[in-house]
Amino acid sequence: MPAAATPTSAPAAAEACTFCAIVAGAPAHRVWDDDAVVAFLDVRPLFPGHTLVVPRDHVVTLADLPPSGVALYFSAVRHLATAVERATGAEGTFVAINNKVSQSVPHLHTHVVPRTKGDGLRGFFWPRQRYGSDLEMASVAEAVSRAARGGA
């Protein structure tokens, strides 16, 4: 099992981080604030109620979140997914994290997006494709499984 990552506490990284500024009190439409996370409305929402949940500590990706913080973080995400659905009258929510690629702010954040049938969003916002064969799918599954067990 890999060693636990620790939050990036370098002042320069946090000072330059938009989400760290919000955690510190910069203006935002906050919807939740506790010892572990701050949640606020996205300024460019997919739909009204689109909420971002961020850990208070400056960590860039999910892999950087210390194991001791995972349960607290995802408990808040779970709680907010229910709250967003209830507050907006949505039929459900889409909950997503970008790690590195498409991560517009280099601070871990989870999108909680209210959803209704026929709202216009398609899948994961990009074209999905089937594997070329069962053999290809089995090969990819084995590679991911091996990496998850710590192999190369």
Protein backbone atom coordinates (compact mmCIF):
# COMPACT_ATOMS: atom_id res chain seq x y z
CA MET A 1 0.00 0.00 0.00
CA PRO A 2 1.43 3.44 -0.90
CA ALA A 3 2.50 5.86 1.80
CA ALA A 4 -0.12 8.34 2.89
CA ALA A 5 -0.02 11.68 1.13
CA THR A 6 0.02 14.84 3.17
CA PRO A 7 -1.69 18.12 2.42
CA THR A 8 0.33 20.71 0.57
CA SER A 9 0.82 23.45 3.12
CA ALA A 10 3.28 25.58 1.21
CA PRO A 11 2.12 29.15 1.75
CA ALA A 12 2.82 30.09 -1.86
CA ALA A 13 0.50 27.37 -3.18
CA ALA A 14 -2.28 28.27 -0.79
CA GLU A 15 -1.91 32.03 -1.31
CA ALA A 16 -2.31 31.61 -5.06
CA CYS A 17 -5.26 29.21 -4.72
CA THR A 18 -8.74 30.58 -5.37
CA PHE A 19 -10.35 27.91 -3.22
CA CYS A 20 -7.94 28.47 -0.32
CA ALA A 21 -8.95 32.14 -0.46
CA ILE A 22 -12.61 31.13 -0.19
CA VAL A 23 -11.81 28.79 2.71
CA ALA A 24 -10.06 31.75 4.37
CA GLY A 25 -13.14 33.95 3.96
CA ALA A 26 -13.09 35.45 0.47
CA PRO A 27 -16.57 36.19 -0.86
CA ALA A 28 -18.48 33.15 -2.11
CA HIS A 29 -22.03 31.90 -1.86
CA ARG A 30 -21.30 29.36 0.87
CA VAL A 31 -23.78 26.57 1.43
CA TRP A 32 -21.84 24.52 4.00
CA ASP A 33 -18.90 25.08 6.31
CA ASP A 34 -17.53 22.66 8.89
CA ASP A 35 -14.18 21.58 10.34
CA ALA A 36 -13.28 19.52 7.26
CA VAL A 37 -14.84 21.21 4.23
CA VAL A 38 -16.29 24.35 2.76
CA ALA A 39 -18.97 24.15 0.05
CA PHE A 40 -20.14 26.98 -2.19
CA LEU A 41 -22.01 27.57 -5.40
CA ASP A 42 -20.02 27.29 -8.63
CA VAL A 43 -19.82 30.72 -10.31
CA ARG A 44 -20.36 29.04 -13.71
CA PRO A 45 -22.90 26.35 -12.89
CA LEU A 46 -24.19 23.67 -15.19
CA PHE A 47 -27.54 24.26 -13.44
CA PRO A 48 -28.59 26.45 -10.51
CA GLY A 49 -27.50 24.74 -7.29
CA HIS A 50 -24.25 23.35 -8.81
CA THR A 51 -22.08 23.20 -5.70
CA LEU A 52 -18.35 22.74 -5.18
CA VAL A 53 -17.13 20.92 -2.08
CA VAL A 54 -13.50 21.56 -1.10
CA PRO A 55 -11.35 20.33 1.77
CA ARG A 56 -10.14 23.10 4.08
CA ASP A 57 -6.54 21.91 3.65
CA HIS A 58 -4.86 22.65 0.35
CA VAL A 59 -4.59 19.33 -1.46
CA VAL A 60 -4.47 19.19 -5.23
CA THR A 61 -5.97 15.80 -6.06
CA LEU A 62 -7.94 13.04 -4.40
CA ALA A 63 -4.72 11.03 -4.07
CA ASP A 64 -3.28 13.89 -1.99
CA LEU A 65 -6.12 13.79 0.54
CA PRO A 66 -4.80 11.99 3.63
CA PRO A 67 -6.61 8.72 4.40
CA SER A 68 -7.69 10.22 7.72
CA GLY A 69 -9.64 12.90 5.84
CA VAL A 70 -11.43 10.74 3.29
CA ALA A 71 -14.42 9.75 5.44
CA LEU A 72 -15.04 13.32 6.62
CA TYR A 73 -14.73 14.68 3.09
CA PHE A 74 -17.05 12.18 1.46
CA SER A 75 -19.55 12.36 4.31
CA ALA A 76 -19.87 16.07 3.50
CA VAL A 77 -20.14 15.35 -0.24
CA ARG A 78 -22.87 12.79 0.47
CA HIS A 79 -24.73 15.21 2.73
CA LEU A 80 -24.53 17.99 0.14
CA ALA A 81 -25.67 15.75 -2.71
CA THR A 82 -28.87 15.14 -0.77
CA ALA A 83 -29.21 18.82 0.17
CA VAL A 84 -28.72 20.05 -3.42
CA GLU A 85 -31.33 17.60 -4.69
CA ARG A 86 -33.84 18.63 -2.02
CA ALA A 87 -33.18 22.39 -2.36
CA THR A 88 -33.48 22.46 -6.15
CA GLY A 89 -36.26 19.93 -6.59
CA ALA A 90 -33.91 17.85 -8.74
CA GLU A 91 -34.53 14.18 -9.44
CA GLY A 92 -30.92 13.33 -8.60
CA THR A 93 -27.37 14.63 -8.69
CA PHE A 94 -24.20 14.12 -10.68
CA VAL A 95 -21.15 13.96 -8.40
CA ALA A 96 -17.74 14.30 -10.04
CA ILE A 97 -14.06 15.00 -9.40
CA ASN A 98 -11.43 15.89 -11.98
CA ASN A 99 -7.87 14.97 -11.02
CA LYS A 100 -5.30 17.04 -12.94
CA VAL A 101 -6.89 16.86 -16.41
CA SER A 102 -9.75 19.37 -16.68
CA GLN A 103 -9.14 20.50 -13.10
CA SER A 104 -9.56 24.25 -13.51
CA VAL A 105 -8.43 25.06 -9.95
CA PRO A 106 -5.55 22.96 -8.56
CA HIS A 107 -7.32 22.23 -5.26
CA LEU A 108 -9.38 19.07 -4.77
CA HIS A 109 -13.03 19.83 -5.37
CA THR A 110 -16.12 17.75 -5.94
CA HIS A 111 -18.90 18.98 -8.20
CA VAL A 112 -22.42 18.28 -6.96
CA VAL A 113 -24.74 19.02 -9.87
CA PRO A 114 -28.54 18.80 -9.66
CA ARG A 115 -30.03 16.63 -12.41
CA THR A 116 -33.45 16.07 -13.89
CA LYS A 117 -34.46 13.83 -16.77
CA GLY A 118 -34.19 15.69 -20.04
CA ASP A 119 -31.91 18.40 -18.62
CA GLY A 120 -29.62 18.19 -21.66
CA LEU A 121 -26.49 16.72 -20.06
CA ARG A 122 -25.30 13.62 -21.84
CA GLY A 123 -23.38 10.89 -20.07
CA PHE A 124 -20.09 12.14 -18.76
CA PHE A 125 -20.06 15.13 -21.13
CA TRP A 126 -17.92 13.35 -23.71
CA PRO A 127 -18.41 10.49 -26.16
CA ARG A 128 -18.26 7.03 -24.63
CA GLN A 129 -17.00 4.05 -26.57
CA ARG A 130 -17.13 0.29 -26.17
CA TYR A 131 -13.95 -1.76 -25.89
CA GLY A 132 -12.78 -3.28 -29.16
CA SER A 133 -13.17 -6.80 -27.76
CA ASP A 134 -13.62 -8.76 -24.56
CA LEU A 135 -9.89 -9.55 -24.73
CA GLU A 136 -9.03 -5.83 -24.74
CA MET A 137 -11.40 -5.23 -21.82
CA ALA A 138 -9.88 -8.13 -19.85
CA SER A 139 -6.38 -6.80 -20.53
CA VAL A 140 -7.27 -3.31 -19.25
CA ALA A 141 -9.02 -4.80 -16.20
CA GLU A 142 -5.91 -6.84 -15.37
CA ALA A 143 -3.63 -3.79 -15.72
CA VAL A 144 -5.80 -1.68 -13.39
CA SER A 145 -6.12 -4.55 -10.92
CA ARG A 146 -2.35 -5.08 -10.90
CA ALA A 147 -1.73 -1.34 -10.35
CA ALA A 148 -4.29 -1.28 -7.52
CA ARG A 149 -2.39 -4.10 -5.81
CA GLY A 150 0.84 -2.10 -6.09
CA GLY A 151 2.32 -3.78 -9.14
CA ALA A 152 3.65 -2.06 -12.23
